[in-house]
Amino acid sequence: MKEYKTYLRALEIDDYIKIHKWHEDKKVYSRITGNKFFIAKVRDKEWIESVVLGDPKRMFWAICLKENDEMMGYTSLRDIDWRNRKAAIGGITIGREYQNLGLGLDAFDQVLKYIFNELGFHKLHTKYLESHLVTAHSIKKFGFKKEAILRNHVFKLGKYHNVEIASLLRHEHKTL
């Protein structure tokens, strides 16, 4: 059995402090499909409070290091359709100091196992910037297949970017 370096836990209200820092970090921001907004810490705190209180159509998890219990990122499951057993998996936001260490793959492997094996989902889909080759390469390792390109879909950093949509069926899922 694989020994993971990370683990997942529910987000806690105090996590807003780190999440706000990541939302303000240009390097972290450049890798996600979302747009940049200047948000006060209190708004990120309110957002986390709404996540913690729960919404049956989404789940959020903190990604923590086993060695010291430090939160190093977070991820989510959104647009949950319980009847059809499908959802959108949000990207993994990783703090700058933890990027390019393989920890995102470590966490994503656990997320996918949980979604398919524990929650019993049939299909996941995700969106990511076409220019973010690390994401494209990483999700292929797990069996995701590209379904579409949304041309000039996101305006960020002064230009329009294409967004790719990829999906994964349970029987296609590969573990690392």
C-alpha atoms as a PDB file:
ATOM      1  CA  MET A   1       0.000   0.000   0.000  1.00  0.00           C
ATOM      2  CA  LYS A   2       1.271   3.462  -0.919  1.00  0.00           C
ATOM      3  CA  GLU A   3       2.587   5.659   1.881  1.00  0.00           C
ATOM      4  CA  TYR A   4       1.264   9.179   1.406  1.00  0.00           C
ATOM      5  CA  LYS A   5       3.095  12.345   2.474  1.00  0.00           C
ATOM      6  CA  THR A   6      -0.165  14.293   2.761  1.00  0.00           C
ATOM      7  CA  TYR A   7      -3.635  13.805   4.173  1.00  0.00           C
ATOM      8  CA  LEU A   8      -7.023  15.431   3.716  1.00  0.00           C
ATOM      9  CA  ARG A   9      -9.216  17.005   6.346  1.00  0.00           C
ATOM     10  CA  ALA A  10     -12.242  19.270   6.442  1.00  0.00           C
ATOM     11  CA  LEU A  11     -11.534  22.970   6.132  1.00  0.00           C
ATOM     12  CA  GLU A  12     -11.627  24.879   9.407  1.00  0.00           C
ATOM     13  CA  ILE A  13     -12.600  28.522   9.794  1.00  0.00           C
ATOM     14  CA  ASP A  14      -9.044  29.535  10.773  1.00  0.00           C
ATOM     15  CA  ASP A  15      -7.790  28.211   7.408  1.00  0.00           C
ATOM     16  CA  TYR A  16      -8.953  31.473   5.839  1.00  0.00           C
ATOM     17  CA  ILE A  17      -5.648  33.098   6.855  1.00  0.00           C
ATOM     18  CA  LYS A  18      -3.540  30.828   4.625  1.00  0.00           C
ATOM     19  CA  ILE A  19      -6.137  30.749   1.870  1.00  0.00           C
ATOM     20  CA  HIS A  20      -6.193  34.535   1.768  1.00  0.00           C
ATOM     21  CA  LYS A  21      -2.392  34.547   1.444  1.00  0.00           C
ATOM     22  CA  TRP A  22      -2.615  32.131  -1.505  1.00  0.00           C
ATOM     23  CA  HIS A  23      -5.366  34.183  -3.145  1.00  0.00           C
ATOM     24  CA  GLU A  24      -3.003  37.187  -3.034  1.00  0.00           C
ATOM     25  CA  ASP A  25       0.051  35.290  -4.379  1.00  0.00           C
ATOM     26  CA  LYS A  26       0.675  36.028  -8.086  1.00  0.00           C
ATOM     27  CA  LYS A  27       2.407  32.702  -8.744  1.00  0.00           C
ATOM     28  CA  VAL A  28      -0.430  30.703  -7.196  1.00  0.00           C
ATOM     29  CA  TYR A  29      -3.004  32.868  -9.001  1.00  0.00           C
ATOM     30  CA  SER A  30      -1.316  32.403 -12.394  1.00  0.00           C
ATOM     31  CA  ARG A  31      -2.037  28.653 -12.306  1.00  0.00           C
ATOM     32  CA  ILE A  32      -5.785  28.740 -11.695  1.00  0.00           C
ATOM     33  CA  THR A  33      -8.721  29.488 -13.990  1.00  0.00           C
ATOM     34  CA  GLY A  34     -10.327  31.960 -11.597  1.00  0.00           C
ATOM     35  CA  ASN A  35     -10.038  35.702 -11.976  1.00  0.00           C
ATOM     36  CA  LYS A  36      -8.108  37.959  -9.630  1.00  0.00           C
ATOM     37  CA  PHE A  37     -10.148  40.027  -7.245  1.00  0.00           C
ATOM     38  CA  PHE A  38      -8.798  42.076  -4.400  1.00  0.00           C
ATOM     39  CA  ILE A  39     -10.591  40.571  -1.450  1.00  0.00           C
ATOM     40  CA  ALA A  40     -10.355  41.605   2.170  1.00  0.00           C
ATOM     41  CA  LYS A  41      -9.444  38.870   4.640  1.00  0.00           C
ATOM     42  CA  VAL A  42     -12.891  39.161   6.167  1.00  0.00           C
ATOM     43  CA  ARG A  43     -14.457  38.140   2.819  1.00  0.00           C
ATOM     44  CA  ASP A  44     -12.262  35.040   2.620  1.00  0.00           C
ATOM     45  CA  LYS A  45     -13.265  34.280   6.210  1.00  0.00           C
ATOM     46  CA  GLU A  46     -16.955  34.607   5.307  1.00  0.00           C
ATOM     47  CA  TRP A  47     -16.392  32.305   2.329  1.00  0.00           C
ATOM     48  CA  ILE A  48     -14.715  29.686   4.544  1.00  0.00           C
ATOM     49  CA  GLU A  49     -17.541  29.951   7.073  1.00  0.00           C
ATOM     50  CA  SER A  50     -20.055  29.210   4.298  1.00  0.00           C
ATOM     51  CA  VAL A  51     -17.975  26.190   3.226  1.00  0.00           C
ATOM     52  CA  VAL A  52     -17.647  24.881   6.788  1.00  0.00           C
ATOM     53  CA  LEU A  53     -21.399  25.196   7.364  1.00  0.00           C
ATOM     54  CA  GLY A  54     -21.908  22.983   4.349  1.00  0.00           C
ATOM     55  CA  ASP A  55     -23.631  22.912   1.015  1.00  0.00           C
ATOM     56  CA  PRO A  56     -24.819  19.538  -0.322  1.00  0.00           C
ATOM     57  CA  LYS A  57     -23.570  20.437  -3.802  1.00  0.00           C
ATOM     58  CA  ARG A  58     -19.930  21.005  -2.826  1.00  0.00           C
ATOM     59  CA  MET A  59     -17.184  19.709  -0.547  1.00  0.00           C
ATOM     60  CA  PHE A  60     -13.858  21.322   0.341  1.00  0.00           C
ATOM     61  CA  TRP A  61     -10.788  19.708   1.878  1.00  0.00           C
ATOM     62  CA  ALA A  62      -7.592  21.062   3.343  1.00  0.00           C
ATOM     63  CA  ILE A  63      -4.436  19.295   2.187  1.00  0.00           C
ATOM     64  CA  CYS A  64      -1.967  18.843   5.044  1.00  0.00           C
ATOM     65  CA  LEU A  65       1.542  17.469   5.418  1.00  0.00           C
ATOM     66  CA  LYS A  66       1.737  14.321   7.527  1.00  0.00           C
ATOM     67  CA  GLU A  67       5.121  15.262   8.973  1.00  0.00           C
ATOM     68  CA  ASN A  68       3.913  18.426  10.721  1.00  0.00           C
ATOM     69  CA  ASP A  69       0.123  18.760  10.134  1.00  0.00           C
ATOM     70  CA  GLU A  70       0.715  22.013   8.231  1.00  0.00           C
ATOM     71  CA  MET A  71      -1.973  22.991   5.732  1.00  0.00           C
ATOM     72  CA  MET A  72      -0.250  23.284   2.347  1.00  0.00           C
ATOM     73  CA  GLY A  73      -3.257  23.630   0.050  1.00  0.00           C
ATOM     74  CA  TYR A  74      -6.897  22.864  -0.556  1.00  0.00           C
ATOM     75  CA  THR A  75      -9.205  21.321  -3.142  1.00  0.00           C
ATOM     76  CA  SER A  76     -12.896  20.837  -3.753  1.00  0.00           C
ATOM     77  CA  LEU A  77     -15.692  18.852  -5.304  1.00  0.00           C
ATOM     78  CA  ARG A  78     -18.388  21.073  -6.850  1.00  0.00           C
ATOM     79  CA  ASP A  79     -21.638  20.829  -8.757  1.00  0.00           C
ATOM     80  CA  ILE A  80     -22.308  17.501  -7.075  1.00  0.00           C
ATOM     81  CA  ASP A  81     -25.062  15.524  -8.765  1.00  0.00           C
ATOM     82  CA  TRP A  82     -25.860  12.712  -6.323  1.00  0.00           C
ATOM     83  CA  ARG A  83     -28.476  11.109  -8.580  1.00  0.00           C
ATOM     84  CA  ASN A  84     -26.117  10.723 -11.553  1.00  0.00           C
ATOM     85  CA  ARG A  85     -23.010  10.231  -9.359  1.00  0.00           C
ATOM     86  CA  LYS A  86     -20.969  12.963 -11.060  1.00  0.00           C
ATOM     87  CA  ALA A  87     -19.298  16.222 -10.093  1.00  0.00           C
ATOM     88  CA  ALA A  88     -16.668  18.789 -11.015  1.00  0.00           C
ATOM     89  CA  ILE A  89     -13.399  18.483  -9.202  1.00  0.00           C
ATOM     90  CA  GLY A  90     -11.846  21.829  -8.393  1.00  0.00           C
ATOM     91  CA  GLY A  91      -8.186  22.354  -9.000  1.00  0.00           C
ATOM     92  CA  ILE A  92      -5.700  21.863  -6.252  1.00  0.00           C
ATOM     93  CA  THR A  93      -4.421  25.141  -4.837  1.00  0.00           C
ATOM     94  CA  ILE A  94      -0.964  24.608  -3.371  1.00  0.00           C
ATOM     95  CA  GLY A  95       1.027  27.211  -1.468  1.00  0.00           C
ATOM     96  CA  ARG A  96       4.087  28.456  -3.355  1.00  0.00           C
ATOM     97  CA  GLU A  97       6.587  26.832  -0.985  1.00  0.00           C
ATOM     98  CA  TYR A  98       5.020  23.389  -1.566  1.00  0.00           C
ATOM     99  CA  GLN A  99       4.792  23.494  -5.368  1.00  0.00           C
ATOM    100  CA  ASN A 100       6.814  21.200  -7.650  1.00  0.00           C
ATOM    101  CA  LEU A 101       7.468  18.642  -4.890  1.00  0.00           C
ATOM    102  CA  GLY A 102       4.938  16.017  -6.027  1.00  0.00           C
ATOM    103  CA  LEU A 103       2.685  16.793  -3.071  1.00  0.00           C
ATOM    104  CA  GLY A 104      -0.207  17.860  -5.298  1.00  0.00           C
ATOM    105  CA  LEU A 105      -0.152  14.462  -7.029  1.00  0.00           C
ATOM    106  CA  ASP A 106       0.018  12.759  -3.656  1.00  0.00           C
ATOM    107  CA  ALA A 107      -3.083  14.625  -2.470  1.00  0.00           C
ATOM    108  CA  PHE A 108      -4.976  14.293  -5.775  1.00  0.00           C
ATOM    109  CA  ASP A 109      -4.507  10.513  -5.687  1.00  0.00           C
ATOM    110  CA  GLN A 110      -6.200  10.425  -2.278  1.00  0.00           C
ATOM    111  CA  VAL A 111      -9.001  12.753  -3.387  1.00  0.00           C
ATOM    112  CA  LEU A 112      -9.816  10.573  -6.399  1.00  0.00           C
ATOM    113  CA  LYS A 113      -9.774   7.374  -4.333  1.00  0.00           C
ATOM    114  CA  TYR A 114     -12.143   8.948  -1.814  1.00  0.00           C
ATOM    115  CA  ILE A 115     -14.530  10.235  -4.491  1.00  0.00           C
ATOM    116  CA  PHE A 116     -14.688   6.967  -6.434  1.00  0.00           C
ATOM    117  CA  ASN A 117     -14.272   4.370  -3.671  1.00  0.00           C
ATOM    118  CA  GLU A 118     -15.964   5.976  -0.676  1.00  0.00           C
ATOM    119  CA  LEU A 119     -18.552   8.278  -2.237  1.00  0.00           C
ATOM    120  CA  GLY A 120     -19.233   5.943  -5.170  1.00  0.00           C
ATOM    121  CA  PHE A 121     -19.097   8.521  -7.947  1.00  0.00           C
ATOM    122  CA  HIS A 122     -19.185   7.444 -11.597  1.00  0.00           C
ATOM    123  CA  LYS A 123     -17.730  10.514 -13.352  1.00  0.00           C
ATOM    124  CA  LEU A 124     -15.638  13.594 -12.607  1.00  0.00           C
ATOM    125  CA  HIS A 125     -14.772  16.522 -14.815  1.00  0.00           C
ATOM    126  CA  THR A 126     -12.376  19.400 -14.384  1.00  0.00           C
ATOM    127  CA  LYS A 127     -11.387  22.643 -16.101  1.00  0.00           C
ATOM    128  CA  TYR A 128      -7.863  24.024 -16.305  1.00  0.00           C
ATOM    129  CA  LEU A 129      -5.872  26.586 -18.248  1.00  0.00           C
ATOM    130  CA  GLU A 130      -4.604  25.079 -21.498  1.00  0.00           C
ATOM    131  CA  SER A 131      -1.288  26.852 -20.868  1.00  0.00           C
ATOM    132  CA  HIS A 132      -0.812  25.094 -17.522  1.00  0.00           C
ATOM    133  CA  LEU A 133       1.009  22.048 -18.854  1.00  0.00           C
ATOM    134  CA  VAL A 134       1.734  20.640 -15.395  1.00  0.00           C
ATOM    135  CA  THR A 135      -1.992  20.164 -14.782  1.00  0.00           C
ATOM    136  CA  ALA A 136      -2.572  18.628 -18.227  1.00  0.00           C
ATOM    137  CA  HIS A 137       0.284  16.168 -17.696  1.00  0.00           C
ATOM    138  CA  SER A 138      -0.694  15.376 -14.102  1.00  0.00           C
ATOM    139  CA  ILE A 139      -4.347  14.567 -14.717  1.00  0.00           C
ATOM    140  CA  LYS A 140      -3.422  12.277 -17.636  1.00  0.00           C
ATOM    141  CA  LYS A 141      -1.493  10.146 -15.136  1.00  0.00           C
ATOM    142  CA  PHE A 142      -4.798   9.442 -13.384  1.00  0.00           C
ATOM    143  CA  GLY A 143      -6.637   8.602 -16.626  1.00  0.00           C
ATOM    144  CA  PHE A 144      -8.441  11.886 -17.362  1.00  0.00           C
ATOM    145  CA  LYS A 145      -9.330  12.391 -21.016  1.00  0.00           C
ATOM    146  CA  LYS A 146      -9.638  15.774 -22.712  1.00  0.00           C
ATOM    147  CA  GLU A 147     -13.198  16.444 -23.861  1.00  0.00           C
ATOM    148  CA  ALA A 148     -13.217  20.057 -25.046  1.00  0.00           C
ATOM    149  CA  ILE A 149     -11.408  23.355 -25.340  1.00  0.00           C
ATOM    150  CA  LEU A 150     -13.190  26.570 -24.412  1.00  0.00           C
ATOM    151  CA  ARG A 151     -11.434  29.120 -26.612  1.00  0.00           C
ATOM    152  CA  ASN A 152     -10.471  32.512 -25.153  1.00  0.00           C
ATOM    153  CA  HIS A 153     -12.534  31.608 -22.105  1.00  0.00           C
ATOM    154  CA  VAL A 154     -10.637  33.383 -19.319  1.00  0.00           C
ATOM    155  CA  PHE A 155      -9.087  36.850 -19.316  1.00  0.00           C
ATOM    156  CA  LYS A 156      -6.189  37.086 -16.908  1.00  0.00           C
ATOM    157  CA  LEU A 157      -2.705  38.552 -16.820  1.00  0.00           C
ATOM    158  CA  GLY A 158      -3.587  40.848 -19.717  1.00  0.00           C
ATOM    159  CA  LYS A 159      -4.762  38.280 -22.274  1.00  0.00           C
ATOM    160  CA  TYR A 160      -7.368  35.635 -23.029  1.00  0.00           C
ATOM    161  CA  HIS A 161      -6.621  31.993 -22.274  1.00  0.00           C
ATOM    162  CA  ASN A 162      -8.139  28.765 -23.501  1.00  0.00           C
ATOM    163  CA  VAL A 163      -9.601  26.442 -20.887  1.00  0.00           C
ATOM    164  CA  GLU A 164      -9.590  22.675 -21.344  1.00  0.00           C
ATOM    165  CA  ILE A 165     -12.244  20.351 -19.973  1.00  0.00           C
ATOM    166  CA  ALA A 166     -11.268  16.788 -19.112  1.00  0.00           C
ATOM    167  CA  SER A 167     -13.221  13.958 -17.530  1.00  0.00           C
ATOM    168  CA  LEU A 168     -12.589  10.687 -15.764  1.00  0.00           C
ATOM    169  CA  LEU A 169     -14.912   7.696 -15.427  1.00  0.00           C
ATOM    170  CA  ARG A 170     -14.522   5.409 -12.429  1.00  0.00           C
ATOM    171  CA  HIS A 171     -13.346   2.435 -14.517  1.00  0.00           C
ATOM    172  CA  GLU A 172     -10.675   4.634 -16.189  1.00  0.00           C
ATOM    173  CA  HIS A 173      -9.210   5.819 -12.870  1.00  0.00           C
ATOM    174  CA  LYS A 174      -5.529   4.979 -12.410  1.00  0.00           C
ATOM    175  CA  THR A 175      -3.827   5.307  -9.047  1.00  0.00           C
ATOM    176  CA  LEU A 176      -0.206   6.323  -8.656  1.00  0.00           C
END
